[in-house]
């Protein structure tokens, strides 16, 4: 079953996201610590959604999002980041299917994921 690929260079953030998704019976198909690993896992796992941090070593989340769009156009991308300035959010929404500030994960992550899954079906 396609699920969500969680991409963040912080293990604690990945665990927290995975736990939150599991509470709502949402399948996490894999994790990655940077953009390069995310691209490899998108090729292998074909997730329905990639949840991407922006600031990561090596290939950042924005670069990874462009590559995900190229290799898996039907895969949805949600940026998940500490950058929550309105201007930043507006630009990131243009590049992805969703934008969630990490500070709002508890209230915004699950509705955003469910909306994207519904729109795919």
PDB file of N, CA and C in Angstrom:
ATOM      1  N   UNK A   1       0.844  -1.181   0.000  1.00  0.00           N
ATOM      2  CA  UNK A   1       0.000   0.000   0.000  1.00  0.00           C
ATOM      3  C   UNK A   1       0.885   1.239   0.000  1.00  0.00           C
ATOM      4  N   UNK A   2       0.668   2.169  -0.936  1.00  0.00           N
ATOM      5  CA  UNK A   2       1.447   3.401  -0.906  1.00  0.00           C
ATOM      6  C   UNK A   2       1.175   4.140   0.397  1.00  0.00           C
ATOM      7  N   UNK A   3       2.173   4.758   0.885  1.00  0.00           N
ATOM      8  CA  UNK A   3       2.010   5.493   2.133  1.00  0.00           C
ATOM      9  C   UNK A   3       2.756   6.795   2.067  1.00  0.00           C
ATOM     10  N   UNK A   4       3.295   7.181   3.192  1.00  0.00           N
ATOM     11  CA  UNK A   4       3.998   8.453   3.317  1.00  0.00           C
ATOM     12  C   UNK A   4       5.477   8.197   3.561  1.00  0.00           C
ATOM     13  N   UNK A   5       6.301   8.937   2.846  1.00  0.00           N
ATOM     14  CA  UNK A   5       7.734   8.951   3.083  1.00  0.00           C
ATOM     15  C   UNK A   5       8.026  10.192   3.919  1.00  0.00           C
ATOM     16  N   UNK A   6       8.614  10.002   5.085  1.00  0.00           N
ATOM     17  CA  UNK A   6       8.924  11.098   6.007  1.00  0.00           C
ATOM     18  C   UNK A   6      10.401  11.451   5.851  1.00  0.00           C
ATOM     19  N   UNK A   7      10.679  12.705   5.504  1.00  0.00           N
ATOM     20  CA  UNK A   7      12.051  13.139   5.238  1.00  0.00           C
ATOM     21  C   UNK A   7      12.414  14.297   6.161  1.00  0.00           C
ATOM     22  N   UNK A   8      13.332  14.036   7.076  1.00  0.00           N
ATOM     23  CA  UNK A   8      13.805  15.058   8.013  1.00  0.00           C
ATOM     24  C   UNK A   8      15.158  14.597   8.527  1.00  0.00           C
ATOM     25  N   UNK A   9      16.095  15.508   8.681  1.00  0.00           N
ATOM     26  CA  UNK A   9      17.422  15.122   9.148  1.00  0.00           C
ATOM     27  C   UNK A   9      17.481  14.905  10.656  1.00  0.00           C
ATOM     28  N   UNK A  10      16.418  15.187  11.366  1.00  0.00           N
ATOM     29  CA  UNK A  10      16.375  14.966  12.815  1.00  0.00           C
ATOM     30  C   UNK A  10      15.554  13.716  13.138  1.00  0.00           C
ATOM     31  N   UNK A  11      16.194  12.748  13.773  1.00  0.00           N
ATOM     32  CA  UNK A  11      15.528  11.485  14.110  1.00  0.00           C
ATOM     33  C   UNK A  11      14.318  11.711  15.012  1.00  0.00           C
ATOM     34  N   UNK A  12      14.424  12.644  15.944  1.00  0.00           N
ATOM     35  CA  UNK A  12      13.306  12.919  16.849  1.00  0.00           C
ATOM     36  C   UNK A  12      12.093  13.415  16.071  1.00  0.00           C
ATOM     37  N   UNK A  13      12.308  14.273  15.101  1.00  0.00           N
ATOM     38  CA  UNK A  13      11.196  14.778  14.283  1.00  0.00           C
ATOM     39  C   UNK A  13      10.554  13.635  13.502  1.00  0.00           C
ATOM     40  N   UNK A  14      11.381  12.761  12.914  1.00  0.00           N
ATOM     41  CA  UNK A  14      10.829  11.623  12.161  1.00  0.00           C
ATOM     42  C   UNK A  14      10.007  10.713  13.064  1.00  0.00           C
ATOM     43  N   UNK A  15      10.505  10.440  14.265  1.00  0.00           N
ATOM     44  CA  UNK A  15       9.764   9.582  15.208  1.00  0.00           C
ATOM     45  C   UNK A  15       8.440  10.217  15.607  1.00  0.00           C
ATOM     46  N   UNK A  16       8.464  11.518  15.876  1.00  0.00           N
ATOM     47  CA  UNK A  16       7.247  12.226  16.274  1.00  0.00           C
ATOM     48  C   UNK A  16       6.209  12.188  15.162  1.00  0.00           C
ATOM     49  N   UNK A  17       6.636  12.449  13.937  1.00  0.00           N
ATOM     50  CA  UNK A  17       5.723  12.423  12.792  1.00  0.00           C
ATOM     51  C   UNK A  17       5.154  11.025  12.600  1.00  0.00           C
ATOM     52  N   UNK A  18       6.033  10.026  12.636  1.00  0.00           N
ATOM     53  CA  UNK A  18       5.592   8.637  12.461  1.00  0.00           C
ATOM     54  C   UNK A  18       4.556   8.270  13.519  1.00  0.00           C
ATOM     55  N   UNK A  19       4.793   8.660  14.753  1.00  0.00           N
ATOM     56  CA  UNK A  19       3.870   8.362  15.846  1.00  0.00           C
ATOM     57  C   UNK A  19       2.518   9.040  15.636  1.00  0.00           C
ATOM     58  N   UNK A  20       2.547  10.308  15.251  1.00  0.00           N
ATOM     59  CA  UNK A  20       1.309  11.048  15.004  1.00  0.00           C
ATOM     60  C   UNK A  20       0.507  10.400  13.874  1.00  0.00           C
ATOM     61  N   UNK A  21       1.167  10.022  12.805  1.00  0.00           N
ATOM     62  CA  UNK A  21       0.481   9.374  11.687  1.00  0.00           C
ATOM     63  C   UNK A  21      -0.072   8.009  12.103  1.00  0.00           C
ATOM     64  N   UNK A  22       0.699   7.256  12.871  1.00  0.00           N
ATOM     65  CA  UNK A  22       0.258   5.931  13.317  1.00  0.00           C
ATOM     66  C   UNK A  22      -0.989   6.019  14.192  1.00  0.00           C
ATOM     67  N   UNK A  23      -1.081   7.058  15.015  1.00  0.00           N
ATOM     68  CA  UNK A  23      -2.271   7.247  15.855  1.00  0.00           C
ATOM     69  C   UNK A  23      -3.540   7.347  15.018  1.00  0.00           C
ATOM     70  N   UNK A  24      -3.385   7.778  13.779  1.00  0.00           N
ATOM     71  CA  UNK A  24      -4.528   7.953  12.874  1.00  0.00           C
ATOM     72  C   UNK A  24      -4.557   6.877  11.789  1.00  0.00           C
ATOM     73  N   UNK A  25      -3.808   5.800  12.021  1.00  0.00           N
ATOM     74  CA  UNK A  25      -3.780   4.642  11.114  1.00  0.00           C
ATOM     75  C   UNK A  25      -3.355   5.027   9.702  1.00  0.00           C
ATOM     76  N   UNK A  26      -2.391   5.925   9.613  1.00  0.00           N
ATOM     77  CA  UNK A  26      -1.839   6.339   8.326  1.00  0.00           C
ATOM     78  C   UNK A  26      -0.478   5.667   8.173  1.00  0.00           C
ATOM     79  N   UNK A  27      -0.318   4.947   7.077  1.00  0.00           N
ATOM     80  CA  UNK A  27       0.866   4.123   6.816  1.00  0.00           C
ATOM     81  C   UNK A  27       2.082   4.970   6.424  1.00  0.00           C
ATOM     82  N   UNK A  28       3.180   4.780   7.132  1.00  0.00           N
ATOM     83  CA  UNK A  28       4.459   5.381   6.764  1.00  0.00           C
ATOM     84  C   UNK A  28       5.267   4.290   6.078  1.00  0.00           C
ATOM     85  N   UNK A  29       5.579   4.492   4.803  1.00  0.00           N
ATOM     86  CA  UNK A  29       6.279   3.454   4.045  1.00  0.00           C
ATOM     87  C   UNK A  29       7.788   3.557   4.178  1.00  0.00           C
ATOM     88  N   UNK A  30       8.293   4.696   4.675  1.00  0.00           N
ATOM     89  CA  UNK A  30       9.729   4.831   4.830  1.00  0.00           C
ATOM     90  C   UNK A  30      10.119   6.178   5.394  1.00  0.00           C
ATOM     91  N   UNK A  31      11.420   6.292   5.668  1.00  0.00           N
ATOM     92  CA  UNK A  31      11.999   7.525   6.189  1.00  0.00           C
ATOM     93  C   UNK A  31      13.289   7.811   5.439  1.00  0.00           C
ATOM     94  N   UNK A  32      13.662   9.082   5.398  1.00  0.00           N
ATOM     95  CA  UNK A  32      14.934   9.492   4.811  1.00  0.00           C
ATOM     96  C   UNK A  32      15.482  10.663   5.611  1.00  0.00           C
ATOM     97  N   UNK A  33      16.815  10.801   5.601  1.00  0.00           N
ATOM     98  CA  UNK A  33      17.460  11.850   6.390  1.00  0.00           C
ATOM     99  C   UNK A  33      17.872  13.061   5.561  1.00  0.00           C
ATOM    100  N   UNK A  34      17.816  12.949   4.238  1.00  0.00           N
ATOM    101  CA  UNK A  34      18.169  14.078   3.382  1.00  0.00           C
ATOM    102  C   UNK A  34      17.534  13.901   2.007  1.00  0.00           C
ATOM    103  N   UNK A  35      17.733  14.897   1.155  1.00  0.00           N
ATOM    104  CA  UNK A  35      17.116  14.872  -0.161  1.00  0.00           C
ATOM    105  C   UNK A  35      17.565  13.722  -1.035  1.00  0.00           C
ATOM    106  N   UNK A  36      18.864  13.411  -1.007  1.00  0.00           N
ATOM    107  CA  UNK A  36      19.369  12.318  -1.834  1.00  0.00           C
ATOM    108  C   UNK A  36      18.722  10.992  -1.451  1.00  0.00           C
ATOM    109  N   UNK A  37      18.670  10.716  -0.154  1.00  0.00           N
ATOM    110  CA  UNK A  37      18.045   9.473   0.297  1.00  0.00           C
ATOM    111  C   UNK A  37      16.552   9.478  -0.028  1.00  0.00           C
ATOM    112  N   UNK A  38      15.927  10.636   0.077  1.00  0.00           N
ATOM    113  CA  UNK A  38      14.500  10.742  -0.247  1.00  0.00           C
ATOM    114  C   UNK A  38      14.243  10.358  -1.699  1.00  0.00           C
ATOM    115  N   UNK A  39      15.065  10.849  -2.614  1.00  0.00           N
ATOM    116  CA  UNK A  39      14.884  10.546  -4.033  1.00  0.00           C
ATOM    117  C   UNK A  39      15.041   9.049  -4.273  1.00  0.00           C
ATOM    118  N   UNK A  40      16.051   8.440  -3.673  1.00  0.00           N
ATOM    119  CA  UNK A  40      16.246   6.991  -3.824  1.00  0.00           C
ATOM    120  C   UNK A  40      15.033   6.225  -3.308  1.00  0.00           C
ATOM    121  N   UNK A  41      14.490   6.664  -2.183  1.00  0.00           N
ATOM    122  CA  UNK A  41      13.335   5.960  -1.613  1.00  0.00           C
ATOM    123  C   UNK A  41      12.062   6.213  -2.413  1.00  0.00           C
ATOM    124  N   UNK A  42      11.921   7.388  -3.006  1.00  0.00           N
ATOM    125  CA  UNK A  42      10.759   7.643  -3.866  1.00  0.00           C
ATOM    126  C   UNK A  42      10.803   6.687  -5.055  1.00  0.00           C
ATOM    127  N   UNK A  43      11.977   6.512  -5.640  1.00  0.00           N
ATOM    128  CA  UNK A  43      12.118   5.582  -6.772  1.00  0.00           C
ATOM    129  C   UNK A  43      11.754   4.156  -6.363  1.00  0.00           C
ATOM    130  N   UNK A  44      12.189   3.754  -5.183  1.00  0.00           N
ATOM    131  CA  UNK A  44      11.984   2.376  -4.730  1.00  0.00           C
ATOM    132  C   UNK A  44      10.577   2.137  -4.179  1.00  0.00           C
ATOM    133  N   UNK A  45      10.087   3.039  -3.339  1.00  0.00           N
ATOM    134  CA  UNK A  45       8.843   2.806  -2.599  1.00  0.00           C
ATOM    135  C   UNK A  45       7.596   3.370  -3.275  1.00  0.00           C
ATOM    136  N   UNK A  46       7.759   4.359  -4.140  1.00  0.00           N
ATOM    137  CA  UNK A  46       6.625   5.017  -4.803  1.00  0.00           C
ATOM    138  C   UNK A  46       5.549   5.453  -3.803  1.00  0.00           C
ATOM    139  N   UNK A  47       5.918   6.306  -2.840  1.00  0.00           N
ATOM    140  CA  UNK A  47       4.938   6.757  -1.846  1.00  0.00           C
ATOM    141  C   UNK A  47       3.860   7.627  -2.482  1.00  0.00           C
ATOM    142  N   UNK A  48       2.719   7.682  -1.838  1.00  0.00           N
ATOM    143  CA  UNK A  48       1.644   8.571  -2.288  1.00  0.00           C
ATOM    144  C   UNK A  48       1.972  10.015  -1.931  1.00  0.00           C
ATOM    145  N   UNK A  49       2.621  10.188  -0.777  1.00  0.00           N
ATOM    146  CA  UNK A  49       2.940  11.525  -0.261  1.00  0.00           C
ATOM    147  C   UNK A  49       4.369  11.523   0.283  1.00  0.00           C
ATOM    148  N   UNK A  50       5.091  12.605   0.020  1.00  0.00           N
ATOM    149  CA  UNK A  50       6.399  12.820   0.634  1.00  0.00           C
ATOM    150  C   UNK A  50       6.271  14.035   1.542  1.00  0.00           C
ATOM    151  N   UNK A  51       6.578  13.831   2.803  1.00  0.00           N
ATOM    152  CA  UNK A  51       6.560  14.898   3.799  1.00  0.00           C
ATOM    153  C   UNK A  51       8.005  15.365   3.960  1.00  0.00           C
ATOM    154  N   UNK A  52       8.307  16.576   3.495  1.00  0.00           N
ATOM    155  CA  UNK A  52       9.681  17.050   3.354  1.00  0.00           C
ATOM    156  C   UNK A  52      10.022  18.212   4.271  1.00  0.00           C
ATOM    157  N   UNK A  53      11.081  18.037   5.049  1.00  0.00           N
ATOM    158  CA  UNK A  53      11.681  19.173   5.739  1.00  0.00           C
ATOM    159  C   UNK A  53      12.415  19.991   4.674  1.00  0.00           C
ATOM    160  N   UNK A  54      12.719  21.236   4.952  1.00  0.00           N
ATOM    161  CA  UNK A  54      13.424  22.056   3.963  1.00  0.00           C
ATOM    162  C   UNK A  54      14.920  22.094   4.236  1.00  0.00           C
ATOM    163  N   UNK A  55      15.302  22.420   5.463  1.00  0.00           N
ATOM    164  CA  UNK A  55      16.720  22.548   5.795  1.00  0.00           C
ATOM    165  C   UNK A  55      17.304  21.199   6.167  1.00  0.00           C
ATOM    166  N   UNK A  56      18.046  20.633   5.220  1.00  0.00           N
ATOM    167  CA  UNK A  56      18.727  19.360   5.450  1.00  0.00           C
ATOM    168  C   UNK A  56      20.096  19.449   4.796  1.00  0.00           C
ATOM    169  N   UNK A  57      21.061  18.682   5.293  1.00  0.00           N
ATOM    170  CA  UNK A  57      22.384  18.700   4.657  1.00  0.00           C
ATOM    171  C   UNK A  57      22.306  18.102   3.252  1.00  0.00           C
ATOM    172  N   UNK A  58      23.243  18.503   2.414  1.00  0.00           N
ATOM    173  CA  UNK A  58      23.242  17.987   1.040  1.00  0.00           C
ATOM    174  C   UNK A  58      22.084  18.588   0.269  1.00  0.00           C
ATOM    175  N   UNK A  59      21.324  17.731  -0.386  1.00  0.00           N
ATOM    176  CA  UNK A  59      20.161  18.195  -1.148  1.00  0.00           C
ATOM    177  C   UNK A  59      19.060  18.608  -0.184  1.00  0.00           C
ATOM    178  N   UNK A  60      18.647  19.874  -0.254  1.00  0.00           N
ATOM    179  CA  UNK A  60      17.604  20.343   0.661  1.00  0.00           C
ATOM    180  C   UNK A  60      16.215  19.932   0.169  1.00  0.00           C
ATOM    181  N   UNK A  61      15.209  20.265   0.945  1.00  0.00           N
ATOM    182  CA  UNK A  61      13.849  19.851   0.629  1.00  0.00           C
ATOM    183  C   UNK A  61      13.290  20.464  -0.640  1.00  0.00           C
ATOM    184  N   UNK A  62      13.668  21.688  -0.938  1.00  0.00           N
ATOM    185  CA  UNK A  62      13.167  22.330  -2.157  1.00  0.00           C
ATOM    186  C   UNK A  62      13.740  21.635  -3.387  1.00  0.00           C
ATOM    187  N   UNK A  63      15.046  21.368  -3.368  1.00  0.00           N
ATOM    188  CA  UNK A  63      15.663  20.636  -4.477  1.00  0.00           C
ATOM    189  C   UNK A  63      15.047  19.243  -4.610  1.00  0.00           C
ATOM    190  N   UNK A  64      14.833  18.595  -3.484  1.00  0.00           N
ATOM    191  CA  UNK A  64      14.243  17.253  -3.504  1.00  0.00           C
ATOM    192  C   UNK A  64      12.828  17.286  -4.070  1.00  0.00           C
ATOM    193  N   UNK A  65      12.064  18.322  -3.735  1.00  0.00           N
ATOM    194  CA  UNK A  65      10.688  18.426  -4.239  1.00  0.00           C
ATOM    195  C   UNK A  65      10.671  18.513  -5.762  1.00  0.00           C
ATOM    196  N   UNK A  66      11.579  19.298  -6.330  1.00  0.00           N
ATOM    197  CA  UNK A  66      11.661  19.384  -7.794  1.00  0.00           C
ATOM    198  C   UNK A  66      11.962  18.012  -8.401  1.00  0.00           C
ATOM    199  N   UNK A  67      12.873  17.283  -7.778  1.00  0.00           N
ATOM    200  CA  UNK A  67      13.241  15.966  -8.303  1.00  0.00           C
ATOM    201  C   UNK A  67      12.099  14.965  -8.140  1.00  0.00           C
ATOM    202  N   UNK A  68      11.392  15.020  -7.026  1.00  0.00           N
ATOM    203  CA  UNK A  68      10.223  14.147  -6.833  1.00  0.00           C
ATOM    204  C   UNK A  68       9.205  14.414  -7.931  1.00  0.00           C
ATOM    205  N   UNK A  69       8.960  15.661  -8.218  1.00  0.00           N
ATOM    206  CA  UNK A  69       8.004  16.024  -9.281  1.00  0.00           C
ATOM    207  C   UNK A  69       8.434  15.441 -10.629  1.00  0.00           C
ATOM    208  N   UNK A  70       9.746  15.429 -10.868  1.00  0.00           N
ATOM    209  CA  UNK A  70      10.263  14.931 -12.138  1.00  0.00           C
ATOM    210  C   UNK A  70      10.126  13.415 -12.257  1.00  0.00           C
ATOM    211  N   UNK A  71      10.488  12.692 -11.197  1.00  0.00           N
ATOM    212  CA  UNK A  71      10.530  11.226 -11.294  1.00  0.00           C
ATOM    213  C   UNK A  71       9.222  10.548 -10.905  1.00  0.00           C
ATOM    214  N   UNK A  72       8.385  11.230 -10.148  1.00  0.00           N
ATOM    215  CA  UNK A  72       7.118  10.636  -9.688  1.00  0.00           C
ATOM    216  C   UNK A  72       6.048  11.721  -9.654  1.00  0.00           C
ATOM    217  N   UNK A  73       5.582  12.158 -10.820  1.00  0.00           N
ATOM    218  CA  UNK A  73       4.665  13.301 -10.877  1.00  0.00           C
ATOM    219  C   UNK A  73       3.369  13.131 -10.098  1.00  0.00           C
ATOM    220  N   UNK A  74       2.932  11.907  -9.876  1.00  0.00           N
ATOM    221  CA  UNK A  74       1.678  11.713  -9.135  1.00  0.00           C
ATOM    222  C   UNK A  74       1.877  11.738  -7.619  1.00  0.00           C
ATOM    223  N   UNK A  75       3.128  11.686  -7.170  1.00  0.00           N
ATOM    224  CA  UNK A  75       3.413  11.744  -5.736  1.00  0.00           C
ATOM    225  C   UNK A  75       3.188  13.167  -5.234  1.00  0.00           C
ATOM    226  N   UNK A  76       2.444  13.284  -4.160  1.00  0.00           N
ATOM    227  CA  UNK A  76       2.161  14.589  -3.559  1.00  0.00           C
ATOM    228  C   UNK A  76       3.297  14.977  -2.620  1.00  0.00           C
ATOM    229  N   UNK A  77       3.548  16.265  -2.519  1.00  0.00           N
ATOM    230  CA  UNK A  77       4.617  16.779  -1.665  1.00  0.00           C
ATOM    231  C   UNK A  77       4.025  17.755  -0.656  1.00  0.00           C
ATOM    232  N   UNK A  78       4.376  17.542   0.607  1.00  0.00           N
ATOM    233  CA  UNK A  78       4.019  18.480   1.672  1.00  0.00           C
ATOM    234  C   UNK A  78       5.317  18.946   2.321  1.00  0.00           C
ATOM    235  N   UNK A  79       5.533  20.260   2.352  1.00  0.00           N
ATOM    236  CA  UNK A  79       6.668  20.797   3.096  1.00  0.00           C
ATOM    237  C   UNK A  79       6.281  20.874   4.566  1.00  0.00           C
ATOM    238  N   UNK A  80       7.217  20.450   5.416  1.00  0.00           N
ATOM    239  CA  UNK A  80       7.016  20.399   6.858  1.00  0.00           C
ATOM    240  C   UNK A  80       8.247  21.053   7.467  1.00  0.00           C
ATOM    241  N   UNK A  81       8.120  22.291   7.944  1.00  0.00           N
ATOM    242  CA  UNK A  81       9.313  23.052   8.285  1.00  0.00           C
ATOM    243  C   UNK A  81       9.088  24.022   9.441  1.00  0.00           C
ATOM    244  N   UNK A  82      10.187  24.488  10.007  1.00  0.00           N
ATOM    245  CA  UNK A  82      10.114  25.507  11.057  1.00  0.00           C
ATOM    246  C   UNK A  82       9.886  26.887  10.465  1.00  0.00           C
ATOM    247  N   UNK A  83      10.090  27.038   9.169  1.00  0.00           N
ATOM    248  CA  UNK A  83       9.901  28.332   8.505  1.00  0.00           C
ATOM    249  C   UNK A  83       8.415  28.592   8.327  1.00  0.00           C
ATOM    250  N   UNK A  84       7.886  29.526   9.118  1.00  0.00           N
ATOM    251  CA  UNK A  84       6.440  29.750   9.041  1.00  0.00           C
ATOM    252  C   UNK A  84       6.058  31.204   8.767  1.00  0.00           C
ATOM    253  N   UNK A  85       7.011  32.003   8.290  1.00  0.00           N
ATOM    254  CA  UNK A  85       6.675  33.379   7.904  1.00  0.00           C
ATOM    255  C   UNK A  85       5.665  33.328   6.763  1.00  0.00           C
ATOM    256  N   UNK A  86       4.685  34.220   6.756  1.00  0.00           N
ATOM    257  CA  UNK A  86       3.650  34.186   5.709  1.00  0.00           C
ATOM    258  C   UNK A  86       4.208  34.198   4.286  1.00  0.00           C
ATOM    259  N   UNK A  87       5.269  34.982   4.053  1.00  0.00           N
ATOM    260  CA  UNK A  87       5.852  35.044   2.711  1.00  0.00           C
ATOM    261  C   UNK A  87       6.465  33.701   2.329  1.00  0.00           C
ATOM    262  N   UNK A  88       7.159  33.092   3.266  1.00  0.00           N
ATOM    263  CA  UNK A  88       7.766  31.787   3.019  1.00  0.00           C
ATOM    264  C   UNK A  88       6.690  30.754   2.746  1.00  0.00           C
ATOM    265  N   UNK A  89       5.661  30.754   3.554  1.00  0.00           N
ATOM    266  CA  UNK A  89       4.562  29.800   3.379  1.00  0.00           C
ATOM    267  C   UNK A  89       3.917  29.957   2.009  1.00  0.00           C
ATOM    268  N   UNK A  90       3.722  31.186   1.567  1.00  0.00           N
ATOM    269  CA  UNK A  90       3.085  31.427   0.268  1.00  0.00           C
ATOM    270  C   UNK A  90       3.928  30.863  -0.869  1.00  0.00           C
ATOM    271  N   UNK A  91       5.230  31.066  -0.817  1.00  0.00           N
ATOM    272  CA  UNK A  91       6.115  30.546  -1.859  1.00  0.00           C
ATOM    273  C   UNK A  91       6.143  29.019  -1.825  1.00  0.00           C
ATOM    274  N   UNK A  92       6.247  28.447  -0.642  1.00  0.00           N
ATOM    275  CA  UNK A  92       6.317  26.989  -0.534  1.00  0.00           C
ATOM    276  C   UNK A  92       5.030  26.326  -1.009  1.00  0.00           C
ATOM    277  N   UNK A  93       3.908  26.966  -0.797  1.00  0.00           N
ATOM    278  CA  UNK A  93       2.635  26.406  -1.276  1.00  0.00           C
ATOM    279  C   UNK A  93       2.588  26.346  -2.803  1.00  0.00           C
ATOM    280  N   UNK A  94       3.326  27.224  -3.462  1.00  0.00           N
ATOM    281  CA  UNK A  94       3.388  27.193  -4.924  1.00  0.00           C
ATOM    282  C   UNK A  94       4.197  26.000  -5.427  1.00  0.00           C
ATOM    283  N   UNK A  95       5.142  25.545  -4.621  1.00  0.00           N
ATOM    284  CA  UNK A  95       6.032  24.458  -5.024  1.00  0.00           C
ATOM    285  C   UNK A  95       5.533  23.080  -4.609  1.00  0.00           C
ATOM    286  N   UNK A  96       4.524  23.030  -3.760  1.00  0.00           N
ATOM    287  CA  UNK A  96       4.111  21.746  -3.195  1.00  0.00           C
ATOM    288  C   UNK A  96       2.598  21.670  -3.094  1.00  0.00           C
ATOM    289  N   UNK A  97       2.129  20.515  -2.666  1.00  0.00           N
ATOM    290  CA  UNK A  97       0.692  20.287  -2.489  1.00  0.00           C
ATOM    291  C   UNK A  97       0.221  20.705  -1.107  1.00  0.00           C
ATOM    292  N   UNK A  98       1.173  21.044  -0.245  1.00  0.00           N
ATOM    293  CA  UNK A  98       0.821  21.469   1.094  1.00  0.00           C
ATOM    294  C   UNK A  98       2.023  22.046   1.811  1.00  0.00           C
ATOM    295  N   UNK A  99       1.746  22.792   2.859  1.00  0.00           N
ATOM    296  CA  UNK A  99       2.776  23.401   3.690  1.00  0.00           C
ATOM    297  C   UNK A  99       2.274  23.372   5.117  1.00  0.00           C
ATOM    298  N   UNK A 100       3.077  22.801   6.011  1.00  0.00           N
ATOM    299  CA  UNK A 100       2.689  22.725   7.416  1.00  0.00           C
ATOM    300  C   UNK A 100       3.864  23.179   8.273  1.00  0.00           C
ATOM    301  N   UNK A 101       3.684  24.242   9.041  1.00  0.00           N
ATOM    302  CA  UNK A 101       4.736  24.608   9.988  1.00  0.00           C
ATOM    303  C   UNK A 101       4.853  23.520  11.060  1.00  0.00           C
ATOM    304  N   UNK A 102       6.078  23.215  11.446  1.00  0.00           N
ATOM    305  CA  UNK A 102       6.265  22.189  12.480  1.00  0.00           C
ATOM    306  C   UNK A 102       5.514  22.553  13.754  1.00  0.00           C
ATOM    307  N   UNK A 103       5.381  23.837  14.030  1.00  0.00           N
ATOM    308  CA  UNK A 103       4.675  24.274  15.237  1.00  0.00           C
ATOM    309  C   UNK A 103       3.189  23.930  15.189  1.00  0.00           C
ATOM    310  N   UNK A 104       2.658  23.639  14.010  1.00  0.00           N
ATOM    311  CA  UNK A 104       1.228  23.328  13.858  1.00  0.00           C
ATOM    312  C   UNK A 104       0.980  21.861  13.524  1.00  0.00           C
ATOM    313  N   UNK A 105       1.983  21.027  13.676  1.00  0.00           N
ATOM    314  CA  UNK A 105       1.850  19.615  13.284  1.00  0.00           C
ATOM    315  C   UNK A 105       0.672  18.926  13.952  1.00  0.00           C
ATOM    316  N   UNK A 106       0.489  19.166  15.229  1.00  0.00           N
ATOM    317  CA  UNK A 106      -0.564  18.461  15.972  1.00  0.00           C
ATOM    318  C   UNK A 106      -1.952  18.740  15.425  1.00  0.00           C
ATOM    319  N   UNK A 107      -2.161  19.915  14.862  1.00  0.00           N
ATOM    320  CA  UNK A 107      -3.501  20.261  14.376  1.00  0.00           C
ATOM    321  C   UNK A 107      -3.643  20.224  12.859  1.00  0.00           C
ATOM    322  N   UNK A 108      -2.551  20.414  12.121  1.00  0.00           N
ATOM    323  CA  UNK A 108      -2.664  20.546  10.665  1.00  0.00           C
ATOM    324  C   UNK A 108      -2.193  19.344   9.853  1.00  0.00           C
ATOM    325  N   UNK A 109      -1.305  18.528  10.413  1.00  0.00           N
ATOM    326  CA  UNK A 109      -0.720  17.439   9.620  1.00  0.00           C
ATOM    327  C   UNK A 109      -1.754  16.416   9.167  1.00  0.00           C
ATOM    328  N   UNK A 110      -2.527  15.885  10.086  1.00  0.00           N
ATOM    329  CA  UNK A 110      -3.481  14.823   9.745  1.00  0.00           C
ATOM    330  C   UNK A 110      -4.537  15.309   8.753  1.00  0.00           C
ATOM    331  N   UNK A 111      -5.170  16.473   8.965  1.00  0.00           N
ATOM    332  CA  UNK A 111      -6.139  16.939   7.963  1.00  0.00           C
ATOM    333  C   UNK A 111      -5.523  17.125   6.572  1.00  0.00           C
ATOM    334  N   UNK A 112      -4.299  17.631   6.513  1.00  0.00           N
ATOM    335  CA  UNK A 112      -3.648  17.840   5.211  1.00  0.00           C
ATOM    336  C   UNK A 112      -3.385  16.514   4.511  1.00  0.00           C
ATOM    337  N   UNK A 113      -2.902  15.535   5.256  1.00  0.00           N
ATOM    338  CA  UNK A 113      -2.622  14.217   4.683  1.00  0.00           C
ATOM    339  C   UNK A 113      -3.913  13.555   4.213  1.00  0.00           C
ATOM    340  N   UNK A 114      -4.933  13.594   5.039  1.00  0.00           N
ATOM    341  CA  UNK A 114      -6.212  12.974   4.659  1.00  0.00           C
ATOM    342  C   UNK A 114      -6.807  13.639   3.423  1.00  0.00           C
ATOM    343  N   UNK A 115      -6.679  14.956   3.332  1.00  0.00           N
ATOM    344  CA  UNK A 115      -7.188  15.674   2.159  1.00  0.00           C
ATOM    345  C   UNK A 115      -6.478  15.201   0.890  1.00  0.00           C
ATOM    346  N   UNK A 116      -5.162  15.050   0.957  1.00  0.00           N
ATOM    347  CA  UNK A 116      -4.422  14.610  -0.225  1.00  0.00           C
ATOM    348  C   UNK A 116      -4.763  13.174  -0.601  1.00  0.00           C
ATOM    349  N   UNK A 117      -4.925  12.302   0.388  1.00  0.00           N
ATOM    350  CA  UNK A 117      -5.323  10.920   0.088  1.00  0.00           C
ATOM    351  C   UNK A 117      -6.701  10.894  -0.568  1.00  0.00           C
ATOM    352  N   UNK A 118      -7.634  11.707  -0.081  1.00  0.00           N
ATOM    353  CA  UNK A 118      -8.983  11.753  -0.667  1.00  0.00           C
ATOM    354  C   UNK A 118      -8.944  12.267  -2.099  1.00  0.00           C
ATOM    355  N   UNK A 119      -8.094  13.250  -2.353  1.00  0.00           N
ATOM    356  CA  UNK A 119      -7.998  13.817  -3.697  1.00  0.00           C
ATOM    357  C   UNK A 119      -7.362  12.854  -4.691  1.00  0.00           C
ATOM    358  N   UNK A 120      -6.596  11.880  -4.197  1.00  0.00           N
ATOM    359  CA  UNK A 120      -5.977  10.896  -5.085  1.00  0.00           C
ATOM    360  C   UNK A 120      -6.959   9.819  -5.500  1.00  0.00           C
ATOM    361  N   UNK A 121      -7.937   9.554  -4.658  1.00  0.00           N
ATOM    362  CA  UNK A 121      -8.861   8.447  -4.913  1.00  0.00           C
ATOM    363  C   UNK A 121      -9.961   8.831  -5.735  1.00  0.00           C
TER     364      UNK A 121
END
